[in-house]
Each structure stands twice: as structure tokens, then as C-alpha cells.
N, C-alpha and C. Protein backbone atom coordinates (compact mmCIF):
# COMPACT_ATOMS: atom_id res chain seq x y z
N MET A 1 157.60 120.19 103.70
CA MET A 1 156.86 119.97 104.45
C MET A 1 157.95 119.46 106.14
N LYS A 2 158.77 118.25 105.74
CA LYS A 2 159.83 117.31 106.75
C LYS A 2 160.09 118.26 107.71
N GLU A 3 160.24 119.87 106.75
CA GLU A 3 161.54 120.63 107.94
C GLU A 3 160.23 121.49 108.41
N PHE A 4 159.37 121.70 108.05
CA PHE A 4 158.17 122.34 109.30
C PHE A 4 158.11 121.55 110.28
N ILE A 5 157.53 120.52 109.71
CA ILE A 5 157.63 119.26 111.14
C ILE A 5 158.24 119.13 111.84
N GLU A 6 159.57 119.32 111.68
CA GLU A 6 160.98 118.82 112.33
C GLU A 6 160.58 119.82 113.00
N PHE A 7 161.18 121.70 112.41
CA PHE A 7 161.32 123.03 113.12
C PHE A 7 159.81 122.79 114.13
N ILE A 8 158.83 122.15 114.67
CA ILE A 8 157.61 122.55 115.59
C ILE A 8 158.23 121.25 116.49
N ALA A 9 158.27 120.10 116.34
CA ALA A 9 158.86 119.52 116.97
C ALA A 9 159.94 119.77 117.56
N LYS A 10 161.08 120.22 117.13
CA LYS A 10 162.58 120.60 117.96
C LYS A 10 161.70 121.89 119.29
N HIS A 11 161.16 122.75 118.54
CA HIS A 11 160.74 124.09 120.10
C HIS A 11 159.96 123.32 120.28
N LEU A 12 159.13 122.41 120.71
CA LEU A 12 158.58 121.80 121.39
C LEU A 12 159.19 120.74 122.44
N VAL A 13 160.12 119.64 122.27
CA VAL A 13 160.72 118.94 123.34
C VAL A 13 162.05 120.15 123.59
N ASP A 14 162.48 119.64 124.58
CA ASP A 14 163.52 119.95 125.74
C ASP A 14 165.09 119.47 125.53
N HIS A 15 165.22 118.02 124.10
CA HIS A 15 165.73 117.33 124.03
C HIS A 15 165.44 117.87 122.15
N PRO A 16 166.21 118.49 121.57
CA PRO A 16 166.01 118.99 120.20
C PRO A 16 166.42 118.24 119.52
N ASP A 17 167.96 117.84 119.96
CA ASP A 17 168.79 116.72 119.54
C ASP A 17 168.30 115.48 119.19
N ASN A 18 167.33 114.79 120.29
CA ASN A 18 166.56 113.87 120.30
C ASN A 18 165.34 113.64 118.53
N VAL A 19 165.14 114.58 118.16
CA VAL A 19 164.12 114.53 117.24
C VAL A 19 164.52 113.95 116.19
N THR A 20 164.17 113.10 115.45
CA THR A 20 164.32 112.62 114.05
C THR A 20 163.22 112.84 113.63
N LEU A 21 162.90 112.65 112.02
CA LEU A 21 161.90 112.32 111.21
C LEU A 21 162.87 112.05 109.52
N GLU A 22 161.42 110.83 109.87
CA GLU A 22 161.71 110.18 108.74
C GLU A 22 160.47 110.71 107.34
N GLU A 23 160.96 109.99 106.32
CA GLU A 23 159.65 110.42 105.10
C GLU A 23 159.79 109.86 104.74
N VAL A 24 158.58 108.46 103.96
CA VAL A 24 158.28 107.94 103.32
C VAL A 24 157.16 107.65 101.86
N THR A 25 157.52 107.51 100.69
CA THR A 25 156.07 107.77 100.14
C THR A 25 156.05 107.16 99.76
N PRO A 26 154.48 105.70 99.95
CA PRO A 26 154.63 105.13 99.34
C PRO A 26 153.83 104.78 97.99
N ASP A 27 152.71 106.17 97.80
CA ASP A 27 152.75 106.52 96.08
C ASP A 27 153.08 107.51 96.03
N ASP A 28 152.55 108.66 94.76
CA ASP A 28 152.36 109.20 94.39
C ASP A 28 151.96 110.63 95.19
N LYS A 29 150.66 110.09 95.81
CA LYS A 29 149.13 110.70 96.43
C LYS A 29 149.86 111.41 97.72
N THR A 30 150.58 110.24 98.48
CA THR A 30 150.92 110.15 100.07
C THR A 30 152.31 110.13 100.44
N VAL A 31 152.21 110.86 101.30
CA VAL A 31 153.05 111.48 102.02
C VAL A 31 153.17 110.84 104.24
N GLU A 32 153.90 110.21 104.11
CA GLU A 32 154.45 109.56 105.62
C GLU A 32 155.38 109.85 106.62
N LEU A 33 155.58 110.19 107.48
CA LEU A 33 156.17 111.28 108.03
C LEU A 33 156.17 110.37 109.17
N THR A 34 157.51 109.75 110.17
CA THR A 34 157.55 109.00 112.04
C THR A 34 157.92 110.30 112.15
N LEU A 35 157.90 110.86 113.09
CA LEU A 35 158.23 111.56 114.20
C LEU A 35 158.53 110.76 115.50
N LYS A 36 160.45 110.46 115.70
CA LYS A 36 160.65 109.87 116.77
C LYS A 36 161.36 111.33 117.20
N VAL A 37 160.95 111.13 119.32
CA VAL A 37 162.07 112.04 120.20
C VAL A 37 161.80 111.18 121.76
N GLY A 38 162.77 111.74 122.14
CA GLY A 38 163.59 111.50 123.59
C GLY A 38 161.77 110.75 123.89
N ALA A 39 162.30 110.03 124.74
CA ALA A 39 161.02 109.27 125.87
C ALA A 39 160.71 110.24 127.04
N ASP A 40 161.49 111.58 127.33
CA ASP A 40 160.70 112.58 128.26
C ASP A 40 160.35 113.16 127.18
N ASP A 41 160.25 113.43 126.12
CA ASP A 41 159.66 114.77 125.93
C ASP A 41 158.86 113.53 124.50
N VAL A 42 157.94 112.51 124.37
CA VAL A 42 156.88 112.36 123.81
C VAL A 42 155.50 113.16 124.77
N GLY A 43 155.41 113.25 125.74
CA GLY A 43 154.25 113.75 126.24
C GLY A 43 154.51 115.40 125.74
N LYS A 44 155.67 115.63 125.44
CA LYS A 44 155.47 117.35 124.66
C LYS A 44 154.53 117.38 123.42
N VAL A 45 155.15 116.62 122.71
CA VAL A 45 154.89 116.38 121.33
C VAL A 45 153.57 115.92 121.15
N ILE A 46 152.98 115.10 122.11
CA ILE A 46 151.64 114.95 122.08
C ILE A 46 150.28 116.09 122.30
N GLY A 47 150.70 116.24 123.60
CA GLY A 47 149.84 117.53 124.41
C GLY A 47 149.01 116.88 125.14
N LYS A 48 147.95 118.09 125.50
CA LYS A 48 147.09 117.05 126.47
C LYS A 48 146.00 116.99 125.57
N GLN A 49 145.58 114.95 125.75
CA GLN A 49 144.19 115.18 125.25
C GLN A 49 144.85 114.89 123.44
N GLY A 50 145.89 114.63 123.30
CA GLY A 50 146.60 114.81 122.04
C GLY A 50 146.50 116.05 120.65
N LYS A 51 146.11 117.27 121.69
CA LYS A 51 145.44 118.73 121.12
C LYS A 51 146.59 118.78 120.16
N THR A 52 148.02 118.82 121.04
CA THR A 52 149.13 119.45 119.77
C THR A 52 149.95 118.71 119.01
N ALA A 53 149.41 117.00 118.93
CA ALA A 53 149.76 116.57 117.93
C ALA A 53 147.99 116.29 116.57
N GLN A 54 147.54 116.62 117.23
CA GLN A 54 146.35 117.26 115.92
C GLN A 54 146.70 118.28 115.15
N ALA A 55 146.96 119.19 116.36
CA ALA A 55 147.38 120.78 115.79
C ALA A 55 148.76 120.33 114.29
N MET A 56 149.13 119.55 114.79
CA MET A 56 150.31 119.27 113.90
C MET A 56 150.09 118.76 112.72
N ARG A 57 149.38 117.92 112.93
CA ARG A 57 148.30 116.99 111.72
C ARG A 57 147.70 117.32 110.64
N THR A 58 147.19 118.78 111.10
CA THR A 58 146.07 119.76 110.67
C THR A 58 146.82 120.32 110.11
N LEU A 59 148.30 121.21 110.45
CA LEU A 59 148.82 121.71 109.56
C LEU A 59 149.26 121.27 108.36
N LEU A 60 149.98 119.79 109.43
CA LEU A 60 150.57 119.17 107.56
C LEU A 60 149.92 118.65 106.64
N THR A 61 148.24 118.50 106.56
CA THR A 61 147.12 118.31 105.99
C THR A 61 147.32 119.41 105.49
N ALA A 62 146.95 121.12 105.72
CA ALA A 62 147.06 122.08 104.82
C ALA A 62 148.17 121.85 103.82
N ILE A 63 149.05 121.22 104.38
CA ILE A 63 150.44 122.10 103.41
C ILE A 63 150.63 121.01 102.11
N ALA A 64 149.64 119.60 102.50
CA ALA A 64 150.37 118.51 101.52
C ALA A 64 148.82 119.05 100.79
N ALA A 65 147.93 119.20 100.85
CA ALA A 65 146.68 119.59 100.14
C ALA A 65 147.09 120.22 98.76
N LYS A 66 148.20 121.30 99.68
CA LYS A 66 148.09 122.72 98.71
C LYS A 66 149.28 122.13 97.35
N ASP A 67 149.76 120.44 97.64
CA ASP A 67 150.37 119.85 96.31
C ASP A 67 149.60 118.73 96.17
N GLY A 68 148.54 118.85 96.30
CA GLY A 68 147.42 118.04 95.86
C GLY A 68 147.94 116.15 96.63
N LYS A 69 148.27 116.32 97.74
CA LYS A 69 149.04 115.36 97.80
C LYS A 69 148.10 114.98 99.72
N ARG A 70 148.20 113.86 100.44
CA ARG A 70 148.06 113.42 101.73
C ARG A 70 149.00 112.99 102.39
N ALA A 71 148.83 113.52 103.61
CA ALA A 71 150.22 113.36 104.35
C ALA A 71 149.77 112.71 105.96
N ILE A 72 150.65 111.80 106.39
CA ILE A 72 150.37 111.27 107.54
C ILE A 72 150.93 111.55 108.28
N LEU A 73 151.15 111.77 109.56
CA LEU A 73 151.76 111.84 110.45
C LEU A 73 151.83 110.91 111.55
N LYS A 74 152.92 110.21 111.90
CA LYS A 74 153.02 108.91 113.27
C LYS A 74 154.19 109.54 113.99
N ILE A 75 153.41 109.47 115.15
CA ILE A 75 155.03 109.74 116.55
C ILE A 75 155.45 108.18 117.00
N LEU A 76 156.48 108.27 117.12
CA LEU A 76 156.53 106.80 118.34
C LEU A 76 156.66 107.23 119.14
N ASP A 77 156.77 106.43 120.08
CA ASP A 77 157.01 106.41 121.65
C ASP A 77 158.21 105.54 121.84
């Protein structure tokens, strides 16, 4: 899951070196991913009206559901 979201984020931004992704598991069934990008690239990851971020969350939810888990994606600015 982590590698997939990191791959997508690095291909969306102009400065892929500034992309960091942290994974936290508060319990057995939940995975929380926190995405940090450069200040110039936040808009590219979020997209118009949040559609890009929502698409990433939808894909993440589908991947997590295969493992029987719940996934949360946070994008920090």
C-alpha cells in the first residue's frame, strides 16, 4: 500500500525528492498513511476540488479491503 501511494505521488509532483510517506498502524485493522510533499506541489496532489486526492483514497481503500483492513490517507501541507 505504502509503495503504491508513494509511486503515484512521485509521478504527480514536480519535485519527487520531497515526497515522504509515513505509515502508522494504530490497531490491527487500520493503516494510517501521512503524505508530505513540497509546498509547491500540494495543489498537484490534491487536485481540482480534491478529486486527485479522493481518487488516491479510493484506490487505497480498495487495496486495503483486499487485506481486510481500513486505510486512511492524510495529506499534509
